Amino acid sequence: MIALADCNNFYASCERVFNPGLIGQPVVVLSNNDGCVISRSEEAKKLGIKMAVPAYQIEKLIIKNQVKVFSSNYALYGDLSNRVMNTLAGFTPSLEIYSIDESFLDFSFLPPPQAADYARQIRRTLLKNIGIPVSIGIGPTKTLAKVANKIAKKQGTDGVFVFETAAATAEYLQKLMVDEVWGIGRQHAAWLHANKIHTAYDFSQAPAHWVKKHLSVTGLRTKDELCGISCIDLEEFQSRKKTICTSRSFGQPQSQLEPLTEAVATFTMKCAEKLRHQHSAATELMVFILTNPFRSELPQYSPSRVIRLPVATNDSLELVKHATAALKAIYREGYLFKKAGVIVMGLIPENEVQLNLFSSSGTPQQRRLMETIDRLNRHYGSDTIQLAAQGTKRKWKLRQERLSPRYTTNWKEILVINVGNEKAPDGDNPQPPRPRTETPES
């Protein structure tokens, strides 16, 4: 048996962990630059707030129903996600982290009748130790575990569902549209509907040779998984990324080179940190800047530059040097730039880098320096150690007008407990009060 543990309304649930006054209140979390809704509490869903709807379109609804609105706080969400995954790992011999809020767990050591009780124990532990509610679906394959999880989410407080028999599985598959099956995309779903295959059960009963011919081996695996034949193994070790990109839209359009340089240097530092985390080195680097294509009345210019690095590296100093040089080569005055980004490409294992006699990159001294920077940033909070090129003004930073504190990753934003006669925050506040100490921009 395989279980899928999926955190309920994850970003909204994270905001509630350190502000219990939000429990029972409608909560939404917005995307970068406070643009669109990317997470909703159950209360917000009942108000009719849809995913990906622009915030300005529901402004009246937010005010009328006193919806609590938050800017995305990825430092907080990422840390709480790590805590959830580490807790789950203690309940299973094998764990696959599928996304920031989803994991597959190996339940093969449990007979189906005991799986549900064990899953409920996991839910209670996560809720007690971390404060994050989860739903758990259990089935003989990963695809059926995904289906079971959908059912578990609809069951309310229990939050656990197990496919114990083939008859029960077939009954639920007859109610599930083929569009909702994990691994079947929109185009394939439309094609299946056109061929009179409307439900997951219809698809599971289709001839194998026909499925393989029209949907390839991947489609055949999905069909077999729906029939209870396990074809997709748990991936305990995440594969290394082939490219890494860090990009952001600016809170305000930028026309000057200085803030663009600060942004590109910051994005490059993030890419370098991710490279070191997966023990890779980049052979190529791309820098791009974009004007706003929706502002047709303004001049448009969206250049990019790819640089072949002399030596594959994950050294922040080396990568920032080349990235800022690429930016200077493509920058032009007279344009309002809305977005910038850095992509590192051609990734290879860091222990397979061919060194250069005339380059200092990759030396033991440089590696120790990068390790020290990463260790300090992990311990004291992101961006504790920065390069001068990253600047301090951050005119380009994201618009995050409703950002909650980074309670668990920054010492200066640790939760403040009010005592004595001071009034504690309640659920009517859009967010808890910021700590009294000034903090650097995230």
Protein backbone atom coordinates (compact mmCIF):
# COMPACT_ATOMS: atom_id res chain seq x y z
CA MET A 1 0.00 0.00 0.00
CA ILE A 2 1.07 3.58 -0.72
CA ALA A 3 -0.17 6.68 1.12
CA LEU A 4 -0.26 10.25 -0.12
CA ALA A 5 -0.11 12.89 2.61
CA ASP A 6 -1.22 16.30 1.33
CA CYS A 7 -1.27 19.40 3.55
CA ASN A 8 -4.65 21.13 3.49
CA ASN A 9 -4.58 24.68 2.03
CA PHE A 10 -0.89 24.69 2.92
CA TYR A 11 0.09 28.37 2.66
CA ALA A 12 -3.07 29.50 4.44
CA SER A 13 -2.52 26.86 7.13
CA CYS A 14 1.06 28.09 7.65
CA GLU A 15 -0.24 31.61 8.34
CA ARG A 16 -2.53 30.19 11.02
CA VAL A 17 0.21 28.31 12.91
CA PHE A 18 1.54 31.43 14.66
CA ASN A 19 -1.72 33.39 14.63
CA PRO A 20 -4.50 31.16 16.05
CA GLY A 21 -6.93 34.08 15.78
CA LEU A 22 -7.12 33.24 12.07
CA ILE A 23 -8.67 29.83 12.73
CA GLY A 24 -12.24 29.84 11.46
CA GLN A 25 -11.60 33.05 9.49
CA PRO A 26 -11.41 33.27 5.67
CA VAL A 27 -7.73 33.49 4.70
CA VAL A 28 -6.08 33.92 1.29
CA VAL A 29 -2.43 34.11 0.28
CA LEU A 30 -1.33 36.11 -2.76
CA SER A 31 1.34 35.42 -5.35
CA ASN A 32 4.46 37.49 -5.98
CA ASN A 33 3.79 41.23 -5.96
CA ASP A 34 0.45 40.54 -4.28
CA GLY A 35 -1.05 39.66 -7.65
CA CYS A 36 -3.30 36.59 -7.61
CA VAL A 37 -4.75 34.18 -5.06
CA ILE A 38 -2.58 31.06 -4.69
CA SER A 39 -3.97 29.59 -1.48
CA ARG A 40 -7.37 29.71 0.25
CA SER A 41 -8.74 28.46 3.53
CA GLU A 42 -11.95 26.45 3.45
CA GLU A 43 -13.85 29.52 4.67
CA ALA A 44 -12.49 31.55 1.73
CA LYS A 45 -13.49 28.82 -0.72
CA LYS A 46 -17.06 28.92 0.58
CA LEU A 47 -17.18 32.64 -0.22
CA GLY A 48 -16.59 31.77 -3.88
CA ILE A 49 -12.97 32.95 -4.09
CA LYS A 50 -11.29 31.08 -6.95
CA MET A 51 -7.67 30.08 -7.36
CA ALA A 52 -5.55 32.41 -9.51
CA VAL A 53 -8.12 35.22 -9.45
CA PRO A 54 -6.43 38.66 -9.40
CA ALA A 55 -6.71 40.26 -5.97
CA TYR A 56 -8.08 43.55 -7.31
CA GLN A 57 -11.07 41.74 -8.84
CA ILE A 58 -12.26 40.49 -5.43
CA GLU A 59 -11.44 43.61 -3.41
CA LYS A 60 -15.10 44.29 -2.54
CA LEU A 61 -15.62 40.67 -1.53
CA ILE A 62 -12.53 40.80 0.69
CA ILE A 63 -13.70 43.97 2.48
CA LYS A 64 -17.30 42.84 2.86
CA ASN A 65 -16.38 39.47 4.39
CA GLN A 66 -13.29 40.65 6.31
CA VAL A 67 -11.05 38.18 4.49
CA LYS A 68 -7.52 38.05 5.94
CA VAL A 69 -5.06 38.61 3.10
CA PHE A 70 -1.35 37.74 3.22
CA SER A 71 1.59 38.20 0.89
CA SER A 72 3.41 34.94 0.09
CA ASN A 73 6.03 34.17 2.76
CA TYR A 74 8.11 31.41 1.17
CA ALA A 75 10.76 31.40 3.90
CA LEU A 76 8.08 30.44 6.44
CA TYR A 77 6.34 27.97 4.14
CA GLY A 78 9.58 26.23 3.17
CA ASP A 79 10.67 25.78 6.78
CA LEU A 80 7.30 24.41 7.92
CA SER A 81 7.32 22.09 4.89
CA ASN A 82 10.70 20.69 6.00
CA ARG A 83 9.27 20.06 9.47
CA VAL A 84 6.29 18.23 8.00
CA MET A 85 8.48 16.05 5.76
CA ASN A 86 10.91 15.21 8.57
CA THR A 87 7.98 14.15 10.76
CA LEU A 88 6.49 12.00 7.99
CA ALA A 89 9.86 10.32 7.44
CA GLY A 90 9.66 8.93 10.98
CA PHE A 91 6.50 6.99 10.12
CA THR A 92 7.66 5.09 7.03
CA PRO A 93 10.70 3.18 5.74
CA SER A 94 10.48 5.04 2.39
CA LEU A 95 9.34 8.57 1.62
CA GLU A 96 9.06 10.49 -1.66
CA ILE A 97 8.75 14.26 -1.32
CA TYR A 98 6.53 15.09 -4.28
CA SER A 99 6.07 18.84 -3.71
CA ILE A 100 6.28 21.44 -0.95
CA ASP A 101 3.05 20.09 0.60
CA GLU A 102 2.77 16.50 -0.69
CA SER A 103 4.61 13.24 0.04
CA PHE A 104 4.15 9.59 -0.86
CA LEU A 105 4.74 7.12 1.98
CA ASP A 106 5.46 3.41 1.77
CA PHE A 107 2.74 1.58 3.73
CA SER A 108 3.65 -1.90 2.48
CA PHE A 109 4.45 -3.02 6.04
CA LEU A 110 0.80 -2.46 7.05
CA PRO A 111 -2.24 -4.60 6.25
CA PRO A 112 -5.06 -2.47 4.75
CA PRO A 113 -7.31 -2.66 7.87
CA GLN A 114 -4.54 -1.06 9.98
CA ALA A 115 -3.56 1.57 7.43
CA ALA A 116 -6.40 3.95 8.27
CA ASP A 117 -5.66 4.01 12.02
CA TYR A 118 -1.96 4.52 11.33
CA ALA A 119 -2.78 7.43 8.99
CA ARG A 120 -4.97 9.02 11.66
CA GLN A 121 -2.05 8.78 14.08
CA ILE A 122 0.12 10.62 11.55
CA ARG A 123 -2.51 13.35 11.17
CA ARG A 124 -2.77 13.83 14.94
CA THR A 125 1.01 14.03 15.30
CA LEU A 126 1.41 16.63 12.56
CA LEU A 127 -1.43 18.74 13.91
CA LYS A 128 -0.11 18.59 17.48
CA ASN A 129 3.62 19.06 16.77
CA ILE A 130 3.49 21.49 13.84
CA GLY A 131 -0.07 22.74 13.57
CA ILE A 132 -0.57 21.76 9.90
CA PRO A 133 -3.69 19.72 8.96
CA VAL A 134 -3.23 17.01 6.32
CA SER A 135 -5.38 14.63 4.33
CA ILE A 136 -4.12 11.11 3.66
CA GLY A 137 -5.24 8.83 0.83
CA ILE A 138 -4.12 5.19 0.71
CA GLY A 139 -4.20 2.76 -2.18
CA PRO A 140 -2.23 -0.06 -3.82
CA THR A 141 -0.60 2.35 -6.32
CA LYS A 142 0.52 5.98 -6.39
CA THR A 143 -2.26 6.93 -8.82
CA LEU A 144 -4.93 5.35 -6.63
CA ALA A 145 -3.39 7.02 -3.57
CA LYS A 146 -3.90 10.33 -5.39
CA VAL A 147 -7.55 9.45 -6.03
CA ALA A 148 -7.99 8.37 -2.40
CA ASN A 149 -6.54 11.67 -1.25
CA LYS A 150 -9.18 13.58 -3.23
CA ILE A 151 -11.83 11.57 -1.43
CA ALA A 152 -10.16 12.09 1.95
CA LYS A 153 -10.21 15.87 1.49
CA LYS A 154 -13.99 15.79 0.99
CA GLN A 155 -14.60 13.81 4.18
CA GLY A 156 -14.05 16.78 6.48
CA THR A 157 -12.67 16.13 9.96
CA ASP A 158 -11.57 12.51 9.43
CA GLY A 159 -9.30 13.27 6.49
CA VAL A 160 -8.31 9.63 5.76
CA PHE A 161 -9.50 7.27 3.03
CA VAL A 162 -8.30 3.78 2.08
CA PHE A 163 -9.02 1.71 -1.04
CA GLU A 164 -9.35 -1.69 0.64
CA THR A 165 -11.14 -3.71 -2.07
CA ALA A 166 -11.27 -3.81 -5.86
CA ALA A 167 -15.05 -3.38 -5.77
CA ALA A 168 -14.83 -0.18 -3.73
CA THR A 169 -12.10 1.12 -6.04
CA ALA A 170 -14.25 0.53 -9.15
CA GLU A 171 -17.22 2.26 -7.51
CA TYR A 172 -15.26 5.44 -6.85
CA LEU A 173 -13.51 5.42 -10.24
CA GLN A 174 -16.94 5.46 -11.90
CA LYS A 175 -17.62 8.79 -10.19
CA LEU A 176 -14.24 10.36 -11.06
CA MET A 177 -13.93 12.21 -14.36
CA VAL A 178 -10.92 11.27 -16.46
CA ASP A 179 -9.80 14.93 -16.37
CA GLU A 180 -9.07 14.55 -12.64
CA VAL A 181 -6.77 11.54 -12.96
CA TRP A 182 -3.15 12.21 -12.04
CA GLY A 183 -0.99 11.97 -15.17
CA ILE A 184 -3.71 12.77 -17.73
CA GLY A 185 -3.32 16.27 -19.15
CA ARG A 186 -5.95 18.58 -20.59
CA GLN A 187 -5.37 17.67 -24.22
CA HIS A 188 -5.40 13.93 -23.58
CA ALA A 189 -8.54 14.31 -21.45
CA ALA A 190 -10.34 16.15 -24.26
CA TRP A 191 -9.28 13.45 -26.73
CA LEU A 192 -10.51 10.69 -24.39
CA HIS A 193 -13.87 12.43 -23.99
CA ALA A 194 -14.14 12.61 -27.77
CA ASN A 195 -13.62 8.84 -27.82
CA LYS A 196 -16.38 8.24 -25.25
CA ILE A 197 -14.06 7.65 -22.32
CA HIS A 198 -15.43 9.97 -19.65
CA THR A 199 -14.57 8.49 -16.26
CA ALA A 200 -11.47 7.02 -14.65
CA TYR A 201 -13.23 3.64 -14.68
CA ASP A 202 -13.82 3.90 -18.45
CA PHE A 203 -10.12 4.56 -18.92
CA SER A 204 -9.11 1.65 -16.68
CA GLN A 205 -11.22 -0.70 -18.83
CA ALA A 206 -9.87 0.51 -22.20
CA PRO A 207 -7.81 -2.03 -24.21
CA ALA A 208 -4.14 -1.86 -23.30
CA HIS A 209 -2.86 -1.84 -26.90
CA TRP A 210 -5.22 1.05 -27.77
CA VAL A 211 -4.07 3.11 -24.78
CA LYS A 212 -0.40 2.48 -25.56
CA LYS A 213 -0.90 3.41 -29.23
CA HIS A 214 -2.57 6.74 -28.54
CA LEU A 215 -1.21 7.76 -25.10
CA SER A 216 2.20 6.05 -25.19
CA VAL A 217 3.74 3.97 -22.41
CA THR A 218 3.02 6.72 -19.88
CA GLY A 219 -0.71 6.47 -20.51
CA LEU A 220 -0.55 2.68 -20.25
CA ARG A 221 1.14 2.96 -16.86
CA THR A 222 -1.64 5.24 -15.63
CA LYS A 223 -4.26 2.74 -16.82
CA ASP A 224 -2.49 -0.14 -15.05
CA GLU A 225 -2.15 1.92 -11.87
CA LEU A 226 -5.90 2.55 -11.88
CA CYS A 227 -6.34 -1.22 -12.13
CA GLY A 228 -4.22 -1.70 -9.00
CA ILE A 229 -0.99 -2.70 -10.79
CA SER A 230 1.90 -0.67 -9.39
CA CYS A 231 4.02 0.79 -12.23
CA ILE A 232 5.41 3.99 -10.68
CA ASP A 233 7.95 3.43 -7.92
CA LEU A 234 8.63 5.73 -5.00
CA GLU A 235 11.55 8.05 -5.72
CA GLU A 236 13.35 8.33 -2.41
CA PHE A 237 16.13 10.46 -3.84
CA GLN A 238 15.27 13.58 -5.79
CA SER A 239 17.03 13.77 -9.15
CA ARG A 240 19.29 16.71 -9.77
CA LYS A 241 17.78 19.58 -11.68
CA LYS A 242 19.13 20.14 -15.18
CA THR A 243 18.62 23.91 -14.99
CA ILE A 244 17.98 26.28 -12.11
CA CYS A 245 16.18 29.61 -12.53
CA THR A 246 15.60 32.47 -10.10
CA SER A 247 13.49 35.36 -11.38
CA ARG A 248 11.15 37.97 -9.94
CA SER A 249 8.83 40.71 -11.08
CA PHE A 250 9.67 44.04 -9.49
CA GLY A 251 7.33 45.87 -7.15
CA GLN A 252 7.91 48.97 -9.30
CA PRO A 253 9.35 49.11 -12.85
CA GLN A 254 13.08 49.89 -12.91
CA SER A 255 14.94 51.93 -15.51
CA GLN A 256 18.36 52.43 -13.88
CA LEU A 257 21.26 49.99 -14.08
CA GLU A 258 22.07 50.05 -10.35
CA PRO A 259 18.84 48.45 -9.02
CA LEU A 260 18.86 45.97 -11.90
CA THR A 261 22.42 44.98 -10.95
CA GLU A 262 21.38 44.48 -7.33
CA ALA A 263 18.48 42.27 -8.40
CA VAL A 264 20.57 40.16 -10.78
CA ALA A 265 23.31 39.74 -8.16
CA THR A 266 20.71 38.60 -5.61
CA PHE A 267 19.11 36.14 -8.04
CA THR A 268 22.54 34.75 -8.95
CA MET A 269 23.35 34.21 -5.26
CA LYS A 270 20.13 32.20 -4.92
CA CYS A 271 21.02 30.08 -7.97
CA ALA A 272 24.52 29.44 -6.60
CA GLU A 273 23.10 28.36 -3.25
CA LYS A 274 20.74 25.92 -4.98
CA LEU A 275 23.63 24.57 -7.07
CA ARG A 276 25.67 23.84 -3.96
CA HIS A 277 22.68 22.26 -2.26
CA GLN A 278 22.41 19.62 -4.99
CA HIS A 279 26.23 19.38 -5.40
CA SER A 280 26.19 20.63 -8.99
CA ALA A 281 28.19 23.15 -10.99
CA ALA A 282 27.02 25.25 -13.95
CA THR A 283 28.78 25.44 -17.30
CA GLU A 284 26.53 28.21 -18.68
CA LEU A 285 24.65 31.19 -17.31
CA MET A 286 21.81 33.26 -18.78
CA VAL A 287 20.65 36.71 -17.68
CA PHE A 288 17.43 38.27 -18.97
CA ILE A 289 15.46 41.45 -18.33
CA LEU A 290 11.91 42.14 -19.50
CA THR A 291 9.73 45.16 -20.04
CA ASN A 292 5.99 44.84 -19.40
CA PRO A 293 4.34 43.41 -22.57
CA PHE A 294 0.92 44.54 -21.31
CA ARG A 295 1.97 48.18 -21.42
CA SER A 296 1.80 48.56 -25.18
CA GLU A 297 2.09 52.35 -24.93
CA LEU A 298 5.66 51.95 -23.59
CA PRO A 299 8.73 50.97 -25.63
CA GLN A 300 9.42 47.24 -25.44
CA TYR A 301 12.82 45.59 -25.00
CA SER A 302 13.38 42.10 -23.58
CA PRO A 303 16.98 40.98 -24.17
CA SER A 304 18.97 38.05 -22.79
CA ARG A 305 22.62 37.00 -22.82
CA VAL A 306 24.12 33.50 -22.41
CA ILE A 307 27.67 33.18 -21.14
CA ARG A 308 29.78 30.04 -21.43
CA LEU A 309 31.71 29.89 -18.17
CA PRO A 310 35.47 29.26 -18.47
CA VAL A 311 35.20 26.68 -15.67
CA ALA A 312 32.04 25.00 -14.41
CA THR A 313 31.33 26.45 -10.98
CA ASN A 314 28.89 26.95 -8.12
CA ASP A 315 30.97 29.75 -6.61
CA SER A 316 28.76 32.77 -5.84
CA LEU A 317 31.55 35.27 -6.46
CA GLU A 318 32.39 33.84 -9.85
CA LEU A 319 28.78 33.55 -10.99
CA VAL A 320 27.86 37.07 -9.84
CA LYS A 321 30.86 38.48 -11.72
CA HIS A 322 29.72 36.93 -14.99
CA ALA A 323 26.02 37.69 -14.40
CA THR A 324 26.58 41.40 -13.79
CA ALA A 325 28.83 41.57 -16.85
CA ALA A 326 26.06 39.99 -18.96
CA LEU A 327 23.54 42.49 -17.58
CA LYS A 328 25.74 45.45 -18.50
CA ALA A 329 26.06 44.09 -22.03
CA ILE A 330 22.28 43.94 -22.60
CA TYR A 331 21.13 46.96 -20.59
CA ARG A 332 19.80 49.96 -22.52
CA GLU A 333 18.59 53.28 -21.18
CA GLY A 334 15.07 54.55 -21.82
CA TYR A 335 13.15 51.38 -20.89
CA LEU A 336 11.08 50.45 -17.85
CA PHE A 337 11.96 46.90 -16.89
CA LYS A 338 9.34 44.83 -15.05
CA LYS A 339 11.24 41.61 -14.45
CA ALA A 340 14.74 40.12 -14.37
CA GLY A 341 16.07 36.61 -13.97
CA VAL A 342 19.09 34.34 -13.93
CA ILE A 343 19.28 30.78 -15.25
CA VAL A 344 22.22 28.46 -14.66
CA MET A 345 22.44 25.66 -17.24
CA GLY A 346 24.55 22.74 -18.38
CA LEU A 347 24.74 21.39 -14.84
CA ILE A 348 27.28 18.69 -13.97
CA PRO A 349 28.26 17.04 -10.67
CA GLU A 350 30.62 19.33 -8.75
CA ASN A 351 33.16 16.51 -8.33
CA GLU A 352 33.48 16.15 -12.14
CA VAL A 353 34.56 19.72 -12.92
CA GLN A 354 37.57 20.08 -15.21
CA LEU A 355 39.69 22.75 -13.51
CA ASN A 356 41.58 25.54 -15.29
CA LEU A 357 45.18 26.42 -14.52
CA PHE A 358 44.38 30.15 -14.71
CA SER A 359 41.16 30.16 -12.66
CA SER A 360 40.82 30.34 -8.86
CA SER A 361 37.32 28.86 -8.98
CA GLY A 362 37.00 25.47 -7.32
CA THR A 363 39.99 25.80 -5.02
CA PRO A 364 39.73 24.38 -1.47
CA GLN A 365 39.75 27.93 -0.09
CA GLN A 366 36.82 28.98 -2.27
CA ARG A 367 34.82 25.88 -1.39
CA ARG A 368 35.33 26.48 2.34
CA LEU A 369 34.23 30.10 1.91
CA MET A 370 31.01 29.07 0.17
CA GLU A 371 30.34 26.37 2.79
CA THR A 372 30.78 28.95 5.55
CA ILE A 373 28.39 31.40 3.87
CA ASP A 374 25.75 28.69 3.44
CA ARG A 375 26.13 27.53 7.04
CA LEU A 376 25.75 31.06 8.44
CA ASN A 377 22.72 31.80 6.25
CA ARG A 378 21.07 28.56 7.31
CA HIS A 379 21.69 29.25 10.99
CA TYR A 380 21.01 32.98 11.22
CA GLY A 381 18.55 33.41 8.36
CA SER A 382 18.60 33.94 4.61
CA ASP A 383 20.74 36.85 3.36
CA THR A 384 22.65 37.19 6.66
CA ILE A 385 25.81 37.12 4.54
CA GLN A 386 25.52 39.02 1.26
CA LEU A 387 27.74 40.48 -1.42
CA ALA A 388 28.13 44.24 -1.73
CA ALA A 389 26.76 43.93 -5.28
CA GLN A 390 23.37 42.97 -3.81
CA GLY A 391 22.99 46.44 -2.33
CA THR A 392 20.90 47.53 0.63
CA LYS A 393 18.17 49.77 -0.82
CA ARG A 394 16.30 47.04 -2.68
CA LYS A 395 14.19 49.44 -4.76
CA TRP A 396 13.38 46.48 -6.99
CA LYS A 397 11.98 44.23 -4.25
CA LEU A 398 8.61 42.54 -4.53
CA ARG A 399 5.52 44.35 -3.41
CA GLN A 400 4.64 42.51 -0.19
CA GLU A 401 2.33 44.84 1.67
CA ARG A 402 0.82 42.07 3.81
CA LEU A 403 3.89 39.97 4.61
CA SER A 404 3.84 38.06 7.89
CA PRO A 405 7.07 37.61 9.90
CA ARG A 406 9.51 34.80 9.14
CA TYR A 407 8.91 33.33 12.57
CA THR A 408 11.14 30.26 12.22
CA THR A 409 13.99 31.38 9.96
CA ASN A 410 14.99 34.84 11.19
CA TRP A 411 16.00 35.59 14.79
CA LYS A 412 14.85 39.21 14.48
CA GLU A 413 11.35 38.12 13.50
CA ILE A 414 10.79 35.53 16.19
CA LEU A 415 7.32 35.56 17.72
CA VAL A 416 6.77 38.20 20.42
CA ILE A 417 4.61 37.08 23.35
CA ASN A 418 2.68 39.92 24.95
CA VAL A 419 2.46 39.79 28.75
CA GLY A 420 0.96 41.92 31.50
CA ASN A 421 -1.49 44.57 30.36
CA GLU A 422 -0.39 44.60 26.71
CA LYS A 423 -3.15 43.59 24.34
CA ALA A 424 -2.49 40.44 22.34
CA PRO A 425 -3.32 40.32 18.61
CA ASP A 426 -6.71 38.92 17.68
CA GLY A 427 -8.25 37.50 14.56
CA ASP A 428 -9.49 40.90 13.37
CA ASN A 429 -5.97 42.02 12.50
CA PRO A 430 -4.93 41.28 8.90
CA GLN A 431 -1.63 39.95 10.30
CA PRO A 432 0.22 39.78 13.63
CA PRO A 433 2.23 42.89 14.57
CA ARG A 434 5.74 43.03 13.21
CA PRO A 435 8.57 42.62 15.74
CA ARG A 436 9.83 45.88 17.19
CA THR A 437 13.37 45.39 15.85
CA GLU A 438 14.09 46.68 12.35
CA THR A 439 14.71 43.82 9.95
CA PRO A 440 16.40 43.63 6.55
CA GLU A 441 14.15 43.23 3.54
CA SER A 442 13.70 39.61 2.53
